[in-house]
């Protein structure tokens, strides 16, 4: 920042409007006897930039000259090749005025900002310095300067530290030390947490392994459960079949009550089979008897025809008697066979009902 022009009016020892023009000057010296207003010029520069001075940081009305009703300070300065003008007016009664202008050409521009805090904040951004830093690095009060000149080397270091703010460096070192200690404690805590994280990671790996084993076991159990369900279904089907068989068996038992004993049935069946065989034999014998009876009748007819004498007749009569006897025997045998056939038919019908 380079100051170009300073206009003072009613500010401390400057009652009338005073202009300090530093354009085109690379080096400026402010000299004069004590009380001539040298410090007021520096205070006016600080007040124009920040709205306060090293002595009066809060009560700006104390800077108004005793016989004046207001103060007016205007500073034109240059930052990075651009020109700016700041104006501050403080009245004993009434509102104050604060404004910052960006100068381009000869025309009067509109203000960039017009509130006290906005103007001070914008200038701080332009200069890159707040009021405390500006006071330490740019301005040095007369009493501090005299003390610095006459002080011994050790005292000069203290004064210089106070002037350029090296005390803050010590404070910052102490703060940095505290933060370092806090950081070391935090690192230790993080290391402990990291150990815990490693332990958690190991547990996580173990949990994943157990989960994989459990999953495989669950799959096997699912397969076994499917097979078990199939076996249960087969068992239920077998139970249904067994129930049906038991029901059928009960029906058979109920039917068997009405049937004769098994031995009797077997005996009847054997008798039926034997009767069947006897029936066939009787039928064969009956057929043979019929054939024999027919042959005897034929022989008797031939004998009667051929024998005419008494003797022959007597022999014929004897033959006839024998034939008659044979006929009775054949008839008796025939009745027996018919009775046997009827019995066989009855047994066959009984066997059908039993089946």
Protein backbone atom coordinates (compact mmCIF):
# COMPACT_ATOMS: atom_id res chain seq x y z
CA UNK A 1 0.00 0.00 0.00
CA UNK A 2 1.31 3.48 -0.94
CA UNK A 3 -0.36 6.63 0.50
CA UNK A 4 -0.87 9.24 -2.23
CA UNK A 5 -2.84 12.03 -0.58
CA UNK A 6 -4.11 12.78 2.92
CA UNK A 7 -6.71 15.47 3.66
CA UNK A 8 -7.31 16.37 7.34
CA UNK A 9 -9.88 18.71 8.86
CA UNK A 10 -10.81 19.08 12.54
CA UNK A 11 -8.65 16.10 13.47
CA UNK A 12 -6.75 16.53 16.74
CA UNK A 13 -4.32 19.48 16.26
CA UNK A 14 -5.42 20.12 12.67
CA UNK A 15 -8.39 22.45 12.72
CA UNK A 16 -8.28 23.82 9.22
CA UNK A 17 -8.38 21.68 6.10
CA UNK A 18 -4.82 20.45 5.44
CA UNK A 19 -3.68 18.48 2.40
CA UNK A 20 -0.61 16.27 2.25
CA UNK A 21 0.21 15.29 -1.34
CA UNK A 22 2.77 12.49 -1.68
CA UNK A 23 2.26 11.69 -5.36
CA UNK A 24 5.52 11.08 -7.21
CA UNK A 25 7.55 10.72 -4.01
CA UNK A 26 9.18 7.44 -3.16
CA UNK A 27 10.40 8.51 0.27
CA UNK A 28 8.70 10.95 2.64
CA UNK A 29 9.99 12.21 5.98
CA UNK A 30 7.81 13.90 8.59
CA UNK A 31 9.94 16.06 10.87
CA UNK A 32 9.25 18.81 13.36
CA UNK A 33 9.36 19.73 17.01
CA UNK A 34 7.36 17.92 19.65
CA UNK A 35 3.71 18.88 19.50
CA UNK A 36 3.83 20.00 15.90
CA UNK A 37 1.37 17.27 14.79
CA UNK A 38 3.65 14.54 13.42
CA UNK A 39 1.83 11.80 15.33
CA UNK A 40 -1.52 13.27 14.30
CA UNK A 41 -0.62 12.68 10.66
CA UNK A 42 0.13 9.00 11.35
CA UNK A 43 -3.01 8.70 13.47
CA UNK A 44 -5.03 10.23 10.63
CA UNK A 45 -3.70 7.59 8.21
CA UNK A 46 -4.61 4.80 10.66
CA UNK A 47 -8.03 6.33 11.32
CA UNK A 48 -8.75 6.66 7.61
CA UNK A 49 -7.90 3.00 7.01
CA UNK A 50 -9.38 1.35 10.13
CA UNK A 51 -11.61 3.96 11.80
CA UNK A 52 -9.45 4.01 14.96
CA UNK A 53 -5.97 4.95 16.20
CA UNK A 54 -3.46 3.27 18.53
CA UNK A 55 -4.55 5.59 21.35
CA UNK A 56 -8.28 5.93 20.63
CA UNK A 57 -9.48 2.56 19.38
CA UNK A 58 -13.13 2.94 20.36
CA UNK A 59 -14.07 6.56 21.11
CA UNK A 60 -13.57 8.25 17.74
CA UNK A 61 -15.24 11.51 18.84
CA UNK A 62 -12.27 12.16 21.14
CA UNK A 63 -10.21 12.77 17.98
CA UNK A 64 -12.30 15.86 17.06
CA UNK A 65 -10.46 19.12 17.70
CA UNK A 66 -11.84 20.94 20.71
CA UNK A 67 -13.21 23.96 18.86
CA UNK A 68 -14.57 21.91 15.90
CA UNK A 69 -17.95 20.19 15.56
CA UNK A 70 -16.70 17.39 13.30
CA UNK A 71 -13.60 15.75 11.88
CA UNK A 72 -12.98 14.79 8.28
CA UNK A 73 -10.18 12.51 7.04
CA UNK A 74 -9.76 11.40 3.43
CA UNK A 75 -6.90 9.15 2.29
CA UNK A 76 -6.10 8.27 -1.30
CA UNK A 77 -3.85 5.19 -1.61
CA UNK A 78 -2.71 2.65 -4.17
CA UNK A 79 -2.77 -1.16 -3.89
CA UNK A 80 -1.59 -3.46 -6.71
CA UNK A 81 -1.75 -0.62 -9.24
CA UNK A 82 -5.32 0.39 -8.36
CA UNK A 83 -6.25 3.64 -6.63
CA UNK A 84 -8.71 3.85 -3.76
CA UNK A 85 -10.07 6.68 -1.60
CA UNK A 86 -11.51 6.24 1.87
CA UNK A 87 -13.54 8.99 3.57
CA UNK A 88 -14.50 9.15 7.22
CA UNK A 89 -16.51 11.96 8.84
CA UNK A 90 -17.34 11.95 12.56
CA UNK A 91 -19.71 14.55 14.04
CA UNK A 92 -20.24 15.49 17.66
CA UNK A 93 -23.96 15.41 16.97
CA UNK A 94 -25.46 13.45 14.15
CA UNK A 95 -24.56 10.45 12.08
CA UNK A 96 -21.05 9.63 10.96
CA UNK A 97 -20.07 9.02 7.35
CA UNK A 98 -17.85 6.23 6.04
CA UNK A 99 -17.25 5.47 2.36
CA UNK A 100 -14.77 3.67 0.12
CA UNK A 101 -14.33 4.61 -3.56
CA UNK A 102 -12.45 2.93 -6.37
CA UNK A 103 -10.89 5.67 -8.52
CA UNK A 104 -10.83 5.31 -12.29
CA UNK A 105 -10.14 8.45 -14.32
CA UNK A 106 -11.06 11.93 -13.15
CA UNK A 107 -14.79 11.35 -12.65
CA UNK A 108 -16.15 10.97 -9.11
CA UNK A 109 -17.20 7.32 -8.78
CA UNK A 110 -19.99 5.96 -6.59
CA UNK A 111 -18.94 4.43 -3.27
CA UNK A 112 -18.10 0.72 -3.18
CA UNK A 113 -19.41 0.48 0.40
CA UNK A 114 -20.70 3.04 2.92
CA UNK A 115 -20.94 1.39 6.32
CA UNK A 116 -18.15 1.66 8.90
CA UNK A 117 -17.58 -2.06 9.42
CA UNK A 118 -17.94 -2.85 5.71
CA UNK A 119 -15.36 -0.17 4.79
CA UNK A 120 -12.86 -1.40 7.42
CA UNK A 121 -13.34 -5.06 6.42
CA UNK A 122 -12.87 -4.26 2.73
CA UNK A 123 -9.63 -2.32 3.44
CA UNK A 124 -8.34 -5.20 5.60
CA UNK A 125 -8.82 -7.52 2.62
CA UNK A 126 -7.11 -5.03 0.29
CA UNK A 127 -4.07 -4.55 2.55
CA UNK A 128 -3.92 -8.07 3.95
CA UNK A 129 -3.47 -6.55 7.46
CA UNK A 130 -5.84 -6.03 10.34
CA UNK A 131 -5.46 -3.02 12.67
CA UNK A 132 -3.21 -4.83 15.17
CA UNK A 133 -0.84 -6.06 12.46
CA UNK A 134 -0.76 -2.60 10.86
CA UNK A 135 -0.03 -0.96 14.21
CA UNK A 136 2.87 -3.32 14.92
CA UNK A 137 4.48 -3.41 11.50
CA UNK A 138 3.84 0.07 10.05
CA UNK A 139 3.47 2.49 12.96
CA UNK A 140 5.70 2.92 15.98
CA UNK A 141 4.62 5.34 18.68
CA UNK A 142 7.06 8.03 19.79
CA UNK A 143 7.35 6.74 23.33
CA UNK A 144 8.14 3.24 22.10
CA UNK A 145 10.67 4.57 19.62
CA UNK A 146 12.49 6.60 22.30
CA UNK A 147 12.47 3.63 24.61
CA UNK A 148 13.87 1.47 21.84
CA UNK A 149 16.73 3.94 21.13
CA UNK A 150 17.89 4.28 24.75
CA UNK A 151 17.27 0.72 25.93
CA UNK A 152 20.02 -1.90 26.40
CA UNK A 153 20.22 -4.80 23.89
CA UNK A 154 18.05 -7.16 25.95
CA UNK A 155 15.45 -4.49 26.47
CA UNK A 156 15.56 -3.60 22.78
CA UNK A 157 14.66 -7.20 21.98
CA UNK A 158 11.61 -6.91 24.22
CA UNK A 159 10.66 -3.58 22.67
CA UNK A 160 11.19 -4.98 19.17
CA UNK A 161 9.13 -8.02 20.02
CA UNK A 162 6.39 -5.74 21.23
CA UNK A 163 6.64 -3.53 18.15
CA UNK A 164 6.58 -6.28 15.53
CA UNK A 165 4.44 -8.61 17.59
CA UNK A 166 7.01 -11.30 18.34
CA UNK A 167 5.22 -11.91 21.61
CA UNK A 168 2.48 -13.44 19.58
CA UNK A 169 5.10 -15.75 18.11
CA UNK A 170 5.92 -16.96 21.61
CA UNK A 171 2.24 -17.39 22.28
CA UNK A 172 1.90 -19.29 19.05
CA UNK A 173 4.86 -21.48 19.99
CA UNK A 174 3.24 -22.25 23.32
CA UNK A 175 -0.04 -22.93 21.58
CA UNK A 176 1.76 -25.10 19.04
CA UNK A 177 3.37 -27.02 21.89
CA UNK A 178 0.00 -27.58 23.50
CA UNK A 179 -1.48 -28.70 20.23
CA UNK A 180 1.49 -30.98 19.64
CA UNK A 181 0.95 -32.61 23.01
CA UNK A 182 -2.73 -32.93 22.25
CA UNK A 183 -1.87 -34.38 18.84
CA UNK A 184 0.49 -36.91 20.44
CA UNK A 185 -2.25 -37.95 22.83
CA UNK A 186 -4.62 -38.19 19.90
CA UNK A 187 -2.08 -40.31 18.00
CA UNK A 188 -1.76 -42.64 20.95
CA UNK A 189 -5.50 -42.87 21.14
CA UNK A 190 -5.68 -43.57 17.42
CA UNK A 191 -3.00 -46.23 17.75
CA UNK A 192 -5.07 -47.86 20.47
CA UNK A 193 -8.12 -47.62 18.24
CA UNK A 194 -6.07 -49.05 15.37
CA UNK A 195 -5.15 -52.00 17.55
CA UNK A 196 -8.80 -52.40 18.32
CA UNK A 197 -9.57 -52.17 14.61
CA UNK A 198 -7.04 -54.92 13.90
CA UNK A 199 -8.66 -57.04 16.57
CA UNK A 200 -12.08 -56.28 15.10
CA UNK A 201 -10.75 -57.16 11.64
CA UNK A 202 -9.47 -60.49 12.96
CA UNK A 203 -12.83 -61.13 14.56
CA UNK A 204 -14.53 -60.16 11.33
CA UNK A 205 -12.41 -62.66 9.37
CA UNK A 206 -13.23 -65.35 11.92
CA UNK A 207 -16.90 -64.41 11.78
CA UNK A 208 -16.86 -64.65 8.00
CA UNK A 209 -15.25 -68.09 8.23
CA UNK A 210 -17.85 -69.24 10.73
CA UNK A 211 -20.56 -67.75 8.53
CA UNK A 212 -19.26 -69.65 5.49
CA UNK A 213 -19.17 -72.90 7.48
CA UNK A 214 -22.65 -72.22 8.84
CA UNK A 215 -23.90 -71.47 5.34
CA UNK A 216 -22.48 -74.75 4.01
CA UNK A 217 -23.99 -76.61 6.96
CA UNK A 218 -27.30 -74.89 6.38
CA UNK A 219 -27.22 -75.99 2.74
CA UNK A 220 -26.53 -79.57 3.82
CA UNK A 221 -29.35 -79.36 6.35
CA UNK A 222 -31.65 -78.03 3.64
CA UNK A 223 -30.80 -81.05 1.49
CA UNK A 224 -31.33 -83.41 4.43
CA UNK A 225 -34.59 -81.66 5.23
CA UNK A 226 -35.74 -82.21 1.65
CA UNK A 227 -34.88 -85.90 1.86
CA UNK A 228 -36.60 -86.11 5.25
CA UNK A 229 -39.72 -84.47 3.83
CA UNK A 230 -39.73 -87.05 1.02
CA UNK A 231 -39.34 -89.87 3.55
CA UNK A 232 -42.17 -88.43 5.62
CA UNK A 233 -44.38 -88.29 2.54
CA UNK A 234 -43.49 -91.92 1.74
CA UNK A 235 -44.18 -92.87 5.36
CA UNK A 236 -47.55 -91.13 5.25
CA UNK A 237 -48.37 -92.96 2.01
CA UNK A 238 -47.32 -96.25 3.62
CA UNK A 239 -49.47 -95.44 6.64
CA UNK A 240 -52.43 -94.73 4.36
CA UNK A 241 -51.87 -98.04 2.58
CA UNK A 242 -51.49 -99.82 5.92
CA UNK A 243 -54.69 -98.21 7.16
CA UNK A 244 -56.47 -99.34 4.00
CA UNK A 245 -55.04 -102.84 4.44
CA UNK A 246 -56.16 -102.89 8.08
CA UNK A 247 -59.63 -101.80 7.00
CA UNK A 248 -59.70 -104.53 4.34
CA UNK A 249 -58.46 -107.05 6.87
CA UNK A 250 -61.21 -106.03 9.27
CA UNK A 251 -63.73 -106.56 6.51
CA UNK A 252 -62.20 -109.97 5.82
CA UNK A 253 -62.38 -110.78 9.53
CA UNK A 254 -66.04 -109.80 9.56
CA UNK A 255 -66.65 -112.00 6.54
CA UNK A 256 -64.68 -114.87 8.04
CA UNK A 257 -67.08 -114.89 11.02
CA UNK A 258 -69.87 -115.86 8.67
CA UNK A 259 -67.75 -118.54 6.93
CA UNK A 260 -67.13 -122.07 8.27
CA UNK A 261 -63.85 -122.93 9.84
CA UNK A 262 -60.84 -123.22 7.60
CA UNK A 263 -60.49 -126.93 8.28
CA UNK A 264 -64.08 -127.53 7.32
CA UNK A 265 -63.61 -125.50 4.15
CA UNK A 266 -60.49 -127.48 3.29
CA UNK A 267 -62.29 -130.77 4.03
CA UNK A 268 -65.21 -129.71 1.88
CA UNK A 269 -62.86 -128.70 -0.90
CA UNK A 270 -61.03 -132.03 -0.62
CA UNK A 271 -64.34 -133.89 -0.57
CA UNK A 272 -65.51 -131.87 -3.52
CA UNK A 273 -62.34 -132.62 -5.41
CA UNK A 274 -62.70 -136.35 -4.44
CA UNK A 275 -66.37 -136.28 -5.33
CA UNK A 276 -65.48 -134.77 -8.63
CA UNK A 277 -63.09 -137.57 -9.28
CA UNK A 278 -65.76 -140.09 -8.05
CA UNK A 279 -68.38 -138.43 -10.22
CA UNK A 280 -66.21 -138.81 -13.24
CA UNK A 281 -65.56 -142.48 -12.27
CA UNK A 282 -69.29 -143.05 -11.64
CA UNK A 283 -70.18 -141.47 -14.93
CA UNK A 284 -67.61 -143.74 -16.60
CA UNK A 285 -69.04 -146.78 -14.75
CA UNK A 286 -72.59 -145.72 -15.61
CA UNK A 287 -71.63 -145.49 -19.26
CA UNK A 288 -69.96 -148.89 -19.03
CA UNK A 289 -73.07 -150.34 -17.29
CA UNK A 290 -75.30 -148.89 -19.97
CA UNK A 291 -73.10 -150.43 -22.63
CA UNK A 292 -73.06 -153.75 -20.71
CA UNK A 293 -76.86 -153.66 -20.21
CA UNK A 294 -77.39 -152.96 -23.89
CA UNK A 295 -75.09 -155.84 -24.79
CA UNK A 296 -76.97 -158.17 -22.40
CA UNK A 297 -80.32 -157.18 -23.85
CA UNK A 298 -78.98 -157.81 -27.34
CA UNK A 299 -77.63 -161.19 -26.25
CA UNK A 300 -80.94 -162.07 -24.56
CA UNK A 301 -82.89 -161.31 -27.69
CA UNK A 302 -80.56 -163.40 -29.74
CA UNK A 303 -80.76 -166.25 -27.20
CA UNK A 304 -84.58 -166.26 -27.13
CA UNK A 305 -84.69 -166.25 -30.88
CA UNK A 306 -82.21 -169.04 -31.28
CA UNK A 307 -83.29 -171.33 -28.41
CA UNK A 308 -86.57 -172.99 -28.91
CA UNK A 309 -86.40 -175.99 -26.66
CA UNK A 310 -87.27 -176.14 -22.96
CA UNK A 311 -83.76 -176.75 -22.01
CA UNK A 312 -82.69 -173.78 -23.95
CA UNK A 313 -85.49 -171.83 -22.46
CA UNK A 314 -84.42 -172.93 -18.99
CA UNK A 315 -80.89 -171.74 -19.71
CA UNK A 316 -82.36 -168.62 -21.14
CA UNK A 317 -84.42 -168.10 -18.00
CA UNK A 318 -81.30 -168.50 -15.90
CA UNK A 319 -79.50 -166.03 -18.11
CA UNK A 320 -82.46 -163.72 -17.82
CA UNK A 321 -82.34 -163.94 -14.03
CA UNK A 322 -78.67 -163.10 -14.09
CA UNK A 323 -79.38 -160.27 -16.46
CA UNK A 324 -82.13 -158.95 -14.19
CA UNK A 325 -79.76 -159.08 -11.25
CA UNK A 326 -77.20 -157.14 -13.28
CA UNK A 327 -79.89 -154.65 -14.18
CA UNK A 328 -80.83 -154.08 -10.49
CA UNK A 329 -77.19 -153.66 -9.60
CA UNK A 330 -76.74 -151.19 -12.43
CA UNK A 331 -79.84 -149.26 -11.32
CA UNK A 332 -78.58 -149.15 -7.72
CA UNK A 333 -75.19 -148.00 -8.92
CA UNK A 334 -76.90 -145.38 -11.02
CA UNK A 335 -78.87 -144.00 -7.99
CA UNK A 336 -75.66 -143.83 -5.98
CA UNK A 337 -73.95 -141.96 -8.77
CA UNK A 338 -76.85 -139.49 -9.06
CA UNK A 339 -76.78 -138.88 -5.27
CA UNK A 340 -73.02 -138.37 -5.42
CA UNK A 341 -73.42 -135.94 -8.32
CA UNK A 342 -76.02 -133.93 -6.33
CA UNK A 343 -73.65 -133.76 -3.35
CA UNK A 344 -70.81 -132.62 -5.60
CA UNK A 345 -73.05 -129.89 -7.05
CA UNK A 346 -73.99 -128.68 -3.55
CA UNK A 347 -70.34 -128.53 -2.48
CA UNK A 348 -69.43 -126.61 -5.62
CA UNK A 349 -72.11 -123.99 -4.93
CA UNK A 350 -70.92 -123.66 -1.31
CA UNK A 351 -67.34 -123.20 -2.49
CA UNK A 352 -68.45 -120.41 -4.85
CA UNK A 353 -70.25 -118.60 -2.02
CA UNK A 354 -67.17 -118.95 0.19
CA UNK A 355 -64.96 -117.46 -2.51
